[in-house]
Amino acid sequence: MDFIELNQKILPPDNNAMVRAKSHWNSIAKPLDGLGELETICVRIAGLLGNEIFSLKKRMVVVFCADNGVVVEGVTQTDASVTAIMAEAIARGQSCVCRMAETAGAEVFPVDVGMFHRAAGVRDLHIADGTANIAVGPAMTKDQAIRAIETGISIARELKEEGYELLSCGEMGIGNTTTSGAIASILLQMPIEKAIGPGAGLSYEGLVRKRNTVRRAIETNRPEPNDALDVLCKLGGFDIAGMAGLYLGCSFYRIPVIIDGLISSVSALIAAMLCPNSTCAMIASHCSAEPAAESIMERLSLHPILWGRLKLGEGTGAVCMMPLLDLALSVYNNAMAFSEAGIPPYKHEKR
C-alpha cells in the first residue's frame, strides 16, 4: 500500500465552505465564538464535506475487536477470554457502548480483526488469531498490518455507501493499553513511566510489571520512531491497525470520525503519521485518563472537549461527543440571527 499516494489523494478542506460556516456562526444572536470548540468542529466538518449545510443523523460506532499476545506477561487484570465475551455482548447490544449509543442515536458495528476466539454476531474480518507477544518479538508482520489497515479503509467505504454521516472509533481487546502505551512512548519519544498507565485498574505491582514488559518490548524490537508502520508492526495490535485504517478511509471518503480514548487516539496518531492529510476528518471527544492521551491530542493539534478522566473504551467517550454535536447543530441550524432580533451584529475587536 502506497501511503504517500493515498495522502496525495486526500482532498484538503474546502476553505470556502469553512468561511461560509464561520460567517453563519457569527450571524447568530450570541457572543462571537460563544460555543467555542463546538463551533470550530462544525466549521471543520463543513470544510471536510465541502458544504456549510450538513447532517450528522445517521451514525455508527465501529468497534474493532482483537487480542494481544502480550497478555501472557501478566499486564492485565483479566485473561484474553474476556475479549470474545465482551465482543459478543456488543453484538447483542448489551455492552456499555451499546446502551450509550442507543441514547445518542447511533448504531454499533463490532468487527473481529484478530481475536483468539470467534464471537457470534461479530463481523468476521479476521487477520490472525491475535498478535504475537511484543515482549519477545514483533506483534505482526508488515503484510498483516497492511491488511488490517486496508480492512479499516474498506469499512469506511462500505459505511459511506450506506449513507452514514458520522462515525466513531471504538475497540475491544484485553491488553491494548499496553500495546497503545508502548506505541505512544515511541512515537512521542516519551518516557515509559509517563506513557504507561494502569489501564483497567492495575495494582502498583501490576503497573510496574506492565512498564517493564513495555521496556523489554522496545529493547527487543527496536522500533524506528519516525516510521509509524514499523512501530505498529513491532508493538501494536490489529485493533489499532484497523482503527488507523478507518481514519484514513474517513478522510478519503469524507466522513467525520470521532476519536475515543487512548487506543483510538494512538491509532489516529499512526494514521496522521502515515498520511498527514487524514487529520481533516478527525474529531477529538475526550482526553483519556491514561497518561499519554493529552500529548497525543497536542501532536494532532486537536482539542478534546470532555475532560472527565474516562477510561472505559469500546467507543464510549466518542459516543459522549455525539449529543454535544447535536446541541451545537440545533443552534447552528435553528437559532435566531442578529438580523431577526434587530440587534447589531458583534464584531471582533482588536485588543
Protein backbone atom coordinates (compact mmCIF):
# COMPACT_ATOMS: atom_id res chain seq x y z
CA MET A 1 0.00 0.00 0.00
CA ASP A 2 1.40 3.40 -1.01
CA PHE A 3 0.64 5.84 1.82
CA ILE A 4 2.30 8.75 0.02
CA GLU A 5 -0.06 8.27 -2.91
CA LEU A 6 -3.07 7.92 -0.59
CA ASN A 7 -2.09 11.10 1.24
CA GLN A 8 -1.98 12.99 -2.05
CA LYS A 9 -5.46 11.74 -2.90
CA ILE A 10 -6.98 13.02 0.35
CA LEU A 11 -8.52 16.36 -0.55
CA PRO A 12 -7.77 19.37 1.63
CA PRO A 13 -10.65 21.02 3.50
CA ASP A 14 -12.85 23.31 1.40
CA ASN A 15 -11.85 26.75 2.64
CA ASN A 16 -14.86 28.47 1.05
CA ALA A 17 -17.27 26.16 2.89
CA MET A 18 -15.42 26.85 6.14
CA VAL A 19 -15.67 30.61 5.59
CA ARG A 20 -19.40 30.30 4.96
CA ALA A 21 -19.88 28.16 8.06
CA LYS A 22 -17.94 30.60 10.22
CA SER A 23 -19.90 33.51 8.80
CA HIS A 24 -23.13 31.72 9.65
CA TRP A 25 -21.99 31.15 13.24
CA ASN A 26 -21.14 34.85 13.51
CA SER A 27 -24.60 35.83 12.26
CA ILE A 28 -26.35 34.04 15.14
CA ALA A 29 -27.51 36.22 18.04
CA LYS A 30 -24.90 35.20 20.61
CA PRO A 31 -21.38 36.22 21.57
CA LEU A 32 -18.83 35.53 18.86
CA ASP A 33 -17.25 32.10 19.37
CA GLY A 34 -19.71 31.61 22.21
CA LEU A 35 -19.80 27.84 21.76
CA GLY A 36 -16.05 27.67 21.48
CA GLU A 37 -14.65 24.42 20.16
CA LEU A 38 -18.12 23.20 19.16
CA GLU A 39 -18.25 25.99 16.61
CA THR A 40 -14.76 25.12 15.38
CA ILE A 41 -15.72 21.47 14.92
CA CYS A 42 -18.77 22.39 12.86
CA VAL A 43 -16.63 24.65 10.67
CA ARG A 44 -14.12 21.82 10.19
CA ILE A 45 -16.91 19.41 9.24
CA ALA A 46 -18.18 21.92 6.69
CA GLY A 47 -14.68 22.04 5.21
CA LEU A 48 -14.46 18.26 5.10
CA LEU A 49 -17.84 17.92 3.38
CA GLY A 50 -17.46 20.98 1.15
CA ASN A 51 -20.82 22.34 2.31
CA GLU A 52 -21.81 24.52 5.25
CA ILE A 53 -25.19 22.75 5.35
CA PHE A 54 -24.88 19.17 6.56
CA SER A 55 -26.48 16.42 8.63
CA LEU A 56 -24.92 14.04 11.16
CA LYS A 57 -28.03 11.99 11.86
CA LYS A 58 -27.01 8.57 10.52
CA ARG A 59 -24.16 7.49 12.74
CA MET A 60 -22.19 4.37 13.57
CA VAL A 61 -19.72 3.28 16.23
CA VAL A 62 -17.22 0.84 14.71
CA VAL A 63 -15.69 -1.38 17.40
CA PHE A 64 -12.51 -3.21 16.34
CA CYS A 65 -12.04 -6.38 18.38
CA ALA A 66 -8.64 -8.09 18.65
CA ASP A 67 -6.44 -9.95 21.10
CA ASN A 68 -2.87 -9.26 22.09
CA GLY A 69 -0.22 -11.89 22.78
CA VAL A 70 1.37 -9.69 25.44
CA VAL A 71 -1.35 -10.65 27.94
CA VAL A 72 0.74 -13.73 28.82
CA GLU A 73 3.12 -11.33 30.58
CA GLY A 74 0.52 -10.57 33.26
CA VAL A 75 -0.09 -6.97 32.17
CA THR A 76 -3.88 -7.14 32.66
CA GLN A 77 -6.37 -7.94 35.40
CA THR A 78 -8.28 -10.40 33.22
CA ASP A 79 -7.28 -13.04 30.70
CA ALA A 80 -7.82 -12.88 26.96
CA SER A 81 -11.13 -14.76 27.05
CA VAL A 82 -12.82 -11.52 28.08
CA THR A 83 -12.27 -10.03 24.60
CA ALA A 84 -14.62 -12.53 22.93
CA ILE A 85 -17.12 -12.39 25.79
CA MET A 86 -17.41 -8.63 25.51
CA ALA A 87 -17.42 -8.70 21.70
CA GLU A 88 -20.47 -10.98 21.84
CA ALA A 89 -22.09 -8.65 24.36
CA ILE A 90 -21.54 -5.76 21.94
CA ALA A 91 -23.08 -7.81 19.13
CA ARG A 92 -26.13 -8.48 21.35
CA GLY A 93 -26.46 -4.79 22.20
CA GLN A 94 -25.75 -5.35 25.90
CA SER A 95 -22.43 -3.61 26.47
CA CYS A 96 -21.84 -0.10 27.80
CA VAL A 97 -21.21 1.40 24.37
CA CYS A 98 -24.44 -0.12 23.05
CA ARG A 99 -26.57 1.38 25.81
CA MET A 100 -24.93 4.77 25.37
CA ALA A 101 -25.10 4.62 21.57
CA GLU A 102 -28.82 3.90 21.67
CA THR A 103 -29.33 7.04 23.72
CA ALA A 104 -27.15 9.04 21.31
CA GLY A 105 -28.97 7.74 18.22
CA ALA A 106 -26.08 5.63 16.93
CA GLU A 107 -25.69 2.05 15.80
CA VAL A 108 -22.80 -0.19 16.86
CA PHE A 109 -20.80 -2.36 14.45
CA PRO A 110 -18.38 -4.86 16.09
CA VAL A 111 -15.64 -6.26 13.84
CA ASP A 112 -13.27 -9.14 14.55
CA VAL A 113 -9.89 -8.17 13.13
CA GLY A 114 -7.88 -10.64 15.20
CA MET A 115 -9.43 -12.28 18.26
CA PHE A 116 -8.19 -15.56 19.70
CA HIS A 117 -11.75 -16.88 19.70
CA ARG A 118 -14.58 -16.12 17.29
CA ALA A 119 -17.66 -14.34 18.68
CA ALA A 120 -21.22 -14.81 17.50
CA GLY A 121 -22.74 -11.82 15.74
CA VAL A 122 -19.41 -10.06 15.17
CA ARG A 123 -18.36 -9.30 11.57
CA ASP A 124 -15.54 -11.70 10.72
CA LEU A 125 -12.69 -9.75 9.10
CA HIS A 126 -10.11 -11.82 10.97
CA ILE A 127 -6.44 -11.22 10.18
CA ALA A 128 -4.95 -13.78 12.59
CA ASP A 129 -5.58 -15.38 15.99
CA GLY A 130 -4.26 -12.41 17.93
CA THR A 131 -0.87 -10.75 17.71
CA ALA A 132 2.39 -12.23 18.95
CA ASN A 133 3.86 -11.31 22.34
CA ILE A 134 5.66 -7.99 21.84
CA ALA A 135 7.94 -8.72 24.79
CA VAL A 136 9.73 -11.40 22.74
CA GLY A 137 9.28 -10.25 19.13
CA PRO A 138 7.21 -8.22 16.66
CA ALA A 139 3.45 -8.13 17.14
CA MET A 140 2.66 -8.75 13.47
CA THR A 141 4.14 -8.89 10.02
CA LYS A 142 4.06 -5.92 7.68
CA ASP A 143 1.60 -7.80 5.45
CA GLN A 144 -0.75 -8.36 8.40
CA ALA A 145 -0.55 -4.69 9.39
CA ILE A 146 -1.37 -3.56 5.86
CA ARG A 147 -4.29 -6.00 5.68
CA ALA A 148 -5.70 -4.66 8.95
CA ILE A 149 -5.31 -1.05 7.77
CA GLU A 150 -6.99 -1.90 4.48
CA THR A 151 -9.82 -3.52 6.45
CA GLY A 152 -10.47 -0.23 8.23
CA ILE A 153 -10.41 1.68 4.94
CA SER A 154 -12.89 -0.76 3.39
CA ILE A 155 -15.27 -0.36 6.34
CA ALA A 156 -15.22 3.42 5.85
CA ARG A 157 -16.08 2.93 2.18
CA GLU A 158 -18.89 0.49 3.00
CA LEU A 159 -20.47 2.79 5.55
CA LYS A 160 -20.14 5.79 3.23
CA GLU A 161 -22.00 3.85 0.54
CA GLU A 162 -24.71 3.01 3.09
CA GLY A 163 -25.23 6.69 3.83
CA TYR A 164 -23.62 7.03 7.25
CA GLU A 165 -22.80 10.65 8.05
CA LEU A 166 -20.80 10.33 11.27
CA LEU A 167 -18.56 7.53 12.52
CA SER A 168 -16.64 6.90 15.69
CA CYS A 169 -13.84 4.51 16.58
CA GLY A 170 -14.00 2.02 19.41
CA GLU A 171 -12.08 -1.10 20.40
CA MET A 172 -12.29 -4.24 22.48
CA GLY A 173 -9.09 -6.11 23.23
CA ILE A 174 -7.62 -7.17 26.54
CA GLY A 175 -4.04 -5.88 26.73
CA ASN A 176 -4.44 -2.99 24.33
CA THR A 177 -3.48 -0.25 26.77
CA THR A 178 -0.09 -1.99 26.88
CA THR A 179 0.31 -2.02 23.09
CA SER A 180 -1.02 1.51 22.64
CA GLY A 181 1.06 2.86 25.51
CA ALA A 182 4.16 1.26 24.01
CA ILE A 183 3.42 2.87 20.65
CA ALA A 184 2.82 6.25 22.30
CA SER A 185 6.12 6.08 24.17
CA ILE A 186 7.99 5.61 20.88
CA LEU A 187 6.07 7.96 18.59
CA LEU A 188 6.02 10.73 21.20
CA GLN A 189 9.53 9.84 22.48
CA MET A 190 8.03 9.84 25.94
CA PRO A 191 9.49 8.05 28.99
CA ILE A 192 7.79 4.73 29.65
CA GLU A 193 6.85 5.81 33.17
CA LYS A 194 4.90 8.71 31.69
CA ALA A 195 3.36 6.83 28.76
CA ILE A 196 2.18 3.67 30.52
CA GLY A 197 -0.74 3.91 32.94
CA PRO A 198 -2.75 1.34 34.94
CA GLY A 199 -5.29 0.68 32.17
CA ALA A 200 -8.30 -1.12 33.64
CA GLY A 201 -7.18 -0.69 37.25
CA LEU A 202 -3.86 -2.48 37.72
CA SER A 203 -2.26 -2.54 41.16
CA TYR A 204 1.09 -0.81 41.70
CA GLU A 205 2.86 -4.16 41.27
CA GLY A 206 0.90 -4.79 38.09
CA LEU A 207 1.76 -1.36 36.72
CA VAL A 208 5.47 -1.96 37.36
CA ARG A 209 5.22 -5.30 35.55
CA LYS A 210 3.41 -3.63 32.64
CA ARG A 211 6.06 -0.92 32.31
CA ASN A 212 8.87 -3.46 32.49
CA THR A 213 7.16 -5.52 29.79
CA VAL A 214 6.97 -2.47 27.51
CA ARG A 215 10.63 -1.74 28.23
CA ARG A 216 11.53 -5.29 27.16
CA ALA A 217 9.37 -4.98 24.05
CA ILE A 218 11.14 -1.81 22.97
CA GLU A 219 14.59 -3.23 23.68
CA THR A 220 13.76 -6.43 21.80
CA ASN A 221 12.10 -4.91 18.75
CA ARG A 222 13.96 -1.58 18.41
CA PRO A 223 11.13 0.23 16.56
CA GLU A 224 12.02 3.22 14.38
CA PRO A 225 10.33 6.31 15.93
CA ASN A 226 9.92 8.08 12.58
CA ASP A 227 8.33 5.06 10.87
CA ALA A 228 4.77 4.65 12.16
CA LEU A 229 4.22 1.43 10.20
CA ASP A 230 7.35 -0.11 11.71
CA VAL A 231 6.22 0.87 15.21
CA LEU A 232 2.75 -0.55 14.56
CA CYS A 233 4.15 -3.87 13.30
CA LYS A 234 6.51 -4.28 16.24
CA LEU A 235 4.41 -3.02 19.15
CA GLY A 236 0.81 -2.69 18.04
CA GLY A 237 -2.40 -4.66 17.71
CA PHE A 238 -4.82 -5.50 14.93
CA ASP A 239 -7.43 -3.26 16.59
CA ILE A 240 -5.04 -0.31 16.43
CA ALA A 241 -4.21 -1.03 12.79
CA GLY A 242 -7.89 -1.36 11.87
CA MET A 243 -8.79 1.92 13.53
CA ALA A 244 -5.90 3.67 11.80
CA GLY A 245 -7.34 2.40 8.53
CA LEU A 246 -10.80 3.68 9.42
CA TYR A 247 -9.37 7.17 9.97
CA LEU A 248 -7.61 7.02 6.63
CA GLY A 249 -10.78 5.83 4.93
CA CYS A 250 -12.90 8.51 6.58
CA SER A 251 -10.57 11.24 5.36
CA PHE A 252 -10.56 9.83 1.83
CA TYR A 253 -14.33 9.24 1.70
CA ARG A 254 -15.12 12.49 3.56
CA ILE A 255 -16.84 11.18 6.69
CA PRO A 256 -16.26 12.94 10.03
CA VAL A 257 -14.98 10.44 12.60
CA ILE A 258 -14.80 10.86 16.37
CA ILE A 259 -11.71 9.69 18.25
CA ASP A 260 -12.35 7.84 21.51
CA GLY A 261 -9.72 7.21 24.20
CA LEU A 262 -6.04 6.25 24.35
CA ILE A 263 -6.12 3.27 21.98
CA SER A 264 -8.27 5.15 19.48
CA SER A 265 -6.08 8.25 19.70
CA VAL A 266 -2.87 6.23 19.22
CA SER A 267 -4.48 4.83 16.07
CA ALA A 268 -5.27 8.38 14.95
CA LEU A 269 -1.64 9.35 15.53
CA ILE A 270 -0.46 6.43 13.38
CA ALA A 271 -2.90 7.43 10.63
CA ALA A 272 -1.68 11.02 10.79
CA MET A 273 1.96 9.94 10.51
CA LEU A 274 1.20 7.65 7.57
CA CYS A 275 -0.97 10.27 5.82
CA PRO A 276 -0.75 13.74 7.39
CA ASN A 277 -3.80 14.95 5.43
CA SER A 278 -6.00 12.41 7.23
CA THR A 279 -6.45 14.67 10.27
CA CYS A 280 -9.07 16.64 8.31
CA ALA A 281 -11.71 14.05 9.25
CA MET A 282 -10.79 13.63 12.91
CA ILE A 283 -12.83 15.00 15.80
CA ALA A 284 -11.50 14.77 19.36
CA SER A 285 -14.01 13.79 22.02
CA HIS A 286 -12.26 13.44 25.37
CA CYS A 287 -8.83 13.26 26.92
CA SER A 288 -8.38 9.78 28.35
CA ALA A 289 -7.22 9.19 31.92
CA GLU A 290 -4.21 7.34 30.50
CA PRO A 291 -1.06 9.50 30.82
CA ALA A 292 -0.10 9.79 27.12
CA ALA A 293 -3.52 10.95 25.94
CA GLU A 294 -3.04 14.69 26.29
CA SER A 295 0.30 14.64 24.46
CA ILE A 296 -1.29 12.76 21.55
CA MET A 297 -4.03 15.36 21.23
CA GLU A 298 -1.40 18.10 21.22
CA ARG A 299 0.57 16.29 18.50
CA LEU A 300 -2.61 16.00 16.39
CA SER A 301 -3.48 19.69 17.04
CA LEU A 302 -6.92 18.60 18.23
CA HIS A 303 -8.78 19.91 21.25
CA PRO A 304 -10.88 17.45 23.28
CA ILE A 305 -13.99 18.93 24.83
CA LEU A 306 -14.54 16.37 27.60
CA TRP A 307 -12.09 16.04 30.48
CA GLY A 308 -13.92 13.50 32.62
CA ARG A 309 -11.00 11.09 33.12
CA LEU A 310 -12.87 8.45 31.13
CA LYS A 311 -11.15 5.10 30.62
CA LEU A 312 -13.89 2.66 29.65
CA GLY A 313 -13.05 2.23 25.97
CA GLU A 314 -15.37 0.50 23.49
CA GLY A 315 -16.00 3.90 21.88
CA THR A 316 -17.97 5.22 24.88
CA GLY A 317 -16.11 8.52 25.10
CA ALA A 318 -16.69 9.17 21.41
CA VAL A 319 -20.40 8.50 21.87
CA CYS A 320 -20.47 11.13 24.64
CA MET A 321 -19.49 13.65 21.97
CA MET A 322 -22.50 12.95 19.77
CA PRO A 323 -25.14 14.75 21.88
CA LEU A 324 -22.82 17.75 22.11
CA LEU A 325 -22.65 17.89 18.33
CA ASP A 326 -26.46 17.65 18.22
CA LEU A 327 -26.74 20.58 20.62
CA ALA A 328 -24.31 22.64 18.57
CA LEU A 329 -26.18 21.91 15.34
CA SER A 330 -29.51 22.81 16.95
CA VAL A 331 -28.10 26.30 17.43
CA TYR A 332 -26.27 26.38 14.09
CA ASN A 333 -29.38 25.40 12.12
CA ASN A 334 -32.21 26.98 14.08
CA ALA A 335 -31.14 29.80 16.39
CA MET A 336 -32.23 33.41 15.84
CA ALA A 337 -29.92 35.64 13.84
CA PHE A 338 -28.87 39.16 14.83
CA SER A 339 -30.89 40.46 11.89
CA GLU A 340 -34.05 38.75 13.16
CA ALA A 341 -33.56 40.12 16.66
CA GLY A 342 -32.92 43.66 15.45
CA ILE A 343 -29.56 43.66 17.23
CA PRO A 344 -26.37 44.98 15.62
CA PRO A 345 -24.02 42.05 15.00
CA TYR A 346 -21.00 41.63 17.20
CA LYS A 347 -17.58 42.35 15.76
CA HIS A 348 -14.15 41.03 16.59
CA GLU A 349 -12.39 43.98 18.21
CA LYS A 350 -8.64 44.38 18.48
CA ARG A 351 -7.14 44.11 21.93
